[in-house]
C-alpha atoms as a PDB file:
ATOM      1  CA  UNK A   1      78.912 161.892 100.678  1.00  0.00           C
ATOM      2  CA  UNK A   2      82.238 163.305  99.939  1.00  0.00           C
ATOM      3  CA  UNK A   3      84.544 162.085  97.269  1.00  0.00           C
ATOM      4  CA  UNK A   4      86.898 160.849  99.982  1.00  0.00           C
ATOM      5  CA  UNK A   5      84.150 158.685 101.528  1.00  0.00           C
ATOM      6  CA  UNK A   6      83.194 157.298  98.147  1.00  0.00           C
ATOM      7  CA  UNK A   7      86.814 156.425  97.301  1.00  0.00           C
ATOM      8  CA  UNK A   8      87.329 154.882 100.746  1.00  0.00           C
ATOM      9  CA  UNK A   9      84.223 152.714 100.251  1.00  0.00           C
ATOM     10  CA  UNK A  10      85.408 151.567  96.836  1.00  0.00           C
ATOM     11  CA  UNK A  11      88.873 150.818  98.258  1.00  0.00           C
ATOM     12  CA  UNK A  12      87.374 148.825 101.132  1.00  0.00           C
ATOM     13  CA  UNK A  13      85.181 146.878  98.697  1.00  0.00           C
ATOM     14  CA  UNK A  14      88.188 146.218  96.426  1.00  0.00           C
ATOM     15  CA  UNK A  15      90.302 145.039  99.386  1.00  0.00           C
ATOM     16  CA  UNK A  16      87.477 142.790 100.569  1.00  0.00           C
ATOM     17  CA  UNK A  17      87.111 141.318  97.078  1.00  0.00           C
ATOM     18  CA  UNK A  18      90.889 140.766  96.848  1.00  0.00           C
ATOM     19  CA  UNK A  19      90.941 139.044 100.280  1.00  0.00           C
ATOM     20  CA  UNK A  20      88.039 136.785  99.274  1.00  0.00           C
ATOM     21  CA  UNK A  21      89.776 135.972  95.995  1.00  0.00           C
ATOM     22  CA  UNK A  22      93.065 135.248  97.807  1.00  0.00           C
ATOM     23  CA  UNK A  23      91.258 133.007 100.302  1.00  0.00           C
ATOM     24  CA  UNK A  24      89.497 131.132  97.480  1.00  0.00           C
ATOM     25  CA  UNK A  25      92.837 130.689  95.685  1.00  0.00           C
ATOM     26  CA  UNK A  26      94.459 129.386  98.889  1.00  0.00           C
ATOM     27  CA  UNK A  27      91.624 126.909  99.448  1.00  0.00           C
ATOM     28  CA  UNK A  28      91.821 125.765  95.834  1.00  0.00           C
ATOM     29  CA  UNK A  29      95.588 125.302  96.158  1.00  0.00           C
ATOM     30  CA  UNK A  30      95.176 123.280  99.365  1.00  0.00           C
ATOM     31  CA  UNK A  31      92.519 121.094  97.744  1.00  0.00           C
ATOM     32  CA  UNK A  32      94.725 120.578  94.691  1.00  0.00           C
ATOM     33  CA  UNK A  33      97.648 119.583  96.916  1.00  0.00           C
ATOM     34  CA  UNK A  34      95.440 117.105  98.807  1.00  0.00           C
ATOM     35  CA  UNK A  35      94.208 115.611  95.535  1.00  0.00           C
ATOM     36  CA  UNK A  36      97.754 115.356  94.166  1.00  0.00           C
ATOM     37  CA  UNK A  37      98.910 113.711  97.392  1.00  0.00           C
ATOM     38  CA  UNK A  38      96.059 111.193  97.269  1.00  0.00           C
ATOM     39  CA  UNK A  39      96.769 110.508  93.590  1.00  0.00           C
ATOM     40  CA  UNK A  40     100.465 110.000  94.344  1.00  0.00           C
ATOM     41  CA  UNK A  41      99.584 107.536  97.126  1.00  0.00           C
ATOM     42  CA  UNK A  42      97.234 105.638  94.811  1.00  0.00           C
ATOM     43  CA  UNK A  43      99.848 105.606  92.076  1.00  0.00           C
ATOM     44  CA  UNK A  44     102.482 104.355  94.529  1.00  0.00           C
ATOM     45  CA  UNK A  45     100.138 101.608  95.744  1.00  0.00           C
ATOM     46  CA  UNK A  46      99.286 100.575  92.198  1.00  0.00           C
ATOM     47  CA  UNK A  47     102.958 100.607  91.260  1.00  0.00           C
ATOM     48  CA  UNK A  48     103.801  98.344  94.202  1.00  0.00           C
ATOM     49  CA  UNK A  49     100.948  95.997  93.275  1.00  0.00           C
ATOM     50  CA  UNK A  50     102.134  95.903  89.652  1.00  0.00           C
ATOM     51  CA  UNK A  51     105.705  95.151  90.741  1.00  0.00           C
ATOM     52  CA  UNK A  52     104.435  92.405  93.038  1.00  0.00           C
ATOM     53  CA  UNK A  53     102.380  90.906  90.210  1.00  0.00           C
ATOM     54  CA  UNK A  54     105.387  91.061  87.882  1.00  0.00           C
ATOM     55  CA  UNK A  55     107.528  89.260  90.478  1.00  0.00           C
ATOM     56  CA  UNK A  56     104.848  86.579  90.854  1.00  0.00           C
ATOM     57  CA  UNK A  57     104.717  86.100  87.083  1.00  0.00           C
ATOM     58  CA  UNK A  58     108.518  85.873  86.947  1.00  0.00           C
ATOM     59  CA  UNK A  59     108.499  83.337  89.789  1.00  0.00           C
ATOM     60  CA  UNK A  60     105.833  81.280  88.030  1.00  0.00           C
ATOM     61  CA  UNK A  61     107.784  81.381  84.789  1.00  0.00           C
ATOM     62  CA  UNK A  62     110.951  80.336  86.595  1.00  0.00           C
ATOM     63  CA  UNK A  63     109.125  77.530  88.396  1.00  0.00           C
ATOM     64  CA  UNK A  64     107.195  76.269  85.411  1.00  0.00           C
ATOM     65  CA  UNK A  65     108.445  73.278  83.502  1.00  0.00           C
ATOM     66  CA  UNK A  66     108.487  73.325  79.710  1.00  0.00           C
ATOM     67  CA  UNK A  67     105.983  70.953  78.099  1.00  0.00           C
ATOM     68  CA  UNK A  68     108.749  68.831  76.569  1.00  0.00           C
ATOM     69  CA  UNK A  69     110.371  68.277  79.968  1.00  0.00           C
ATOM     70  CA  UNK A  70     106.982  67.425  81.451  1.00  0.00           C
ATOM     71  CA  UNK A  71     106.329  64.834  78.726  1.00  0.00           C
ATOM     72  CA  UNK A  72     109.819  63.401  79.210  1.00  0.00           C
ATOM     73  CA  UNK A  73     109.343  63.141  82.986  1.00  0.00           C
ATOM     74  CA  UNK A  74     105.961  61.451  82.512  1.00  0.00           C
ATOM     75  CA  UNK A  75     107.471  58.967  80.053  1.00  0.00           C
ATOM     76  CA  UNK A  76     110.308  58.195  82.459  1.00  0.00           C
ATOM     77  CA  UNK A  77     107.824  57.705  85.303  1.00  0.00           C
ATOM     78  CA  UNK A  78     105.749  55.373  83.094  1.00  0.00           C
ATOM     79  CA  UNK A  79     108.840  53.322  82.188  1.00  0.00           C
ATOM     80  CA  UNK A  80     109.916  53.173  85.834  1.00  0.00           C
ATOM     81  CA  UNK A  81     106.428  52.020  86.798  1.00  0.00           C
ATOM     82  CA  UNK A  82     106.472  49.316  84.129  1.00  0.00           C
ATOM     83  CA  UNK A  83     109.919  48.121  85.223  1.00  0.00           C
ATOM     84  CA  UNK A  84     108.821  47.984  88.852  1.00  0.00           C
ATOM     85  CA  UNK A  85     105.643  46.085  87.925  1.00  0.00           C
ATOM     86  CA  UNK A  86     107.708  43.614  85.840  1.00  0.00           C
ATOM     87  CA  UNK A  87     110.128  43.121  88.734  1.00  0.00           C
ATOM     88  CA  UNK A  88     107.193  42.599  91.106  1.00  0.00           C
ATOM     89  CA  UNK A  89     105.614  40.036  88.745  1.00  0.00           C
ATOM     90  CA  UNK A  90     108.946  38.188  88.489  1.00  0.00           C
ATOM     91  CA  UNK A  91     109.344  38.163  92.279  1.00  0.00           C
ATOM     92  CA  UNK A  92     105.794  36.883  92.715  1.00  0.00           C
ATOM     93  CA  UNK A  93     106.419  34.209  90.096  1.00  0.00           C
ATOM     94  CA  UNK A  94     109.642  33.181  91.822  1.00  0.00           C
ATOM     95  CA  UNK A  95     107.889  33.138  95.205  1.00  0.00           C
ATOM     96  CA  UNK A  96     105.078  30.996  93.737  1.00  0.00           C
ATOM     97  CA  UNK A  97     107.581  28.570  92.202  1.00  0.00           C
ATOM     98  CA  UNK A  98     109.515  28.462  95.441  1.00  0.00           C
ATOM     99  CA  UNK A  99     106.305  27.692  97.376  1.00  0.00           C
ATOM    100  CA  UNK A 100     105.457  24.937  94.862  1.00  0.00           C
ATOM    101  CA  UNK A 101     108.955  23.511  95.171  1.00  0.00           C
ATOM    102  CA  UNK A 102     108.771  23.339  98.988  1.00  0.00           C
ATOM    103  CA  UNK A 103     105.204  22.040  98.966  1.00  0.00           C
ATOM    104  CA  UNK A 104     106.016  19.327  96.469  1.00  0.00           C
END
């Protein structure tokens, strides 16, 4: 072989190696971009879910009644119930007396 043939062979081998390396780098870059895109989508989805959960918590907090107000409302309902039961007893008593008066 001549020196020219030897150098040409080495050049061809070097070019082939560089093309293979470039192709591997391109594939790695594409894979990295796909992974970053998928990660960004997951992150976006998780962020939306977190925001939704935060809104739900805020809504629950806004809708919840403090314990003191709940106790007060229960006490008022109990008093109203007692007053209504007393009024009902009085009306029944009056109706009974009225029936006795007409029967007698």
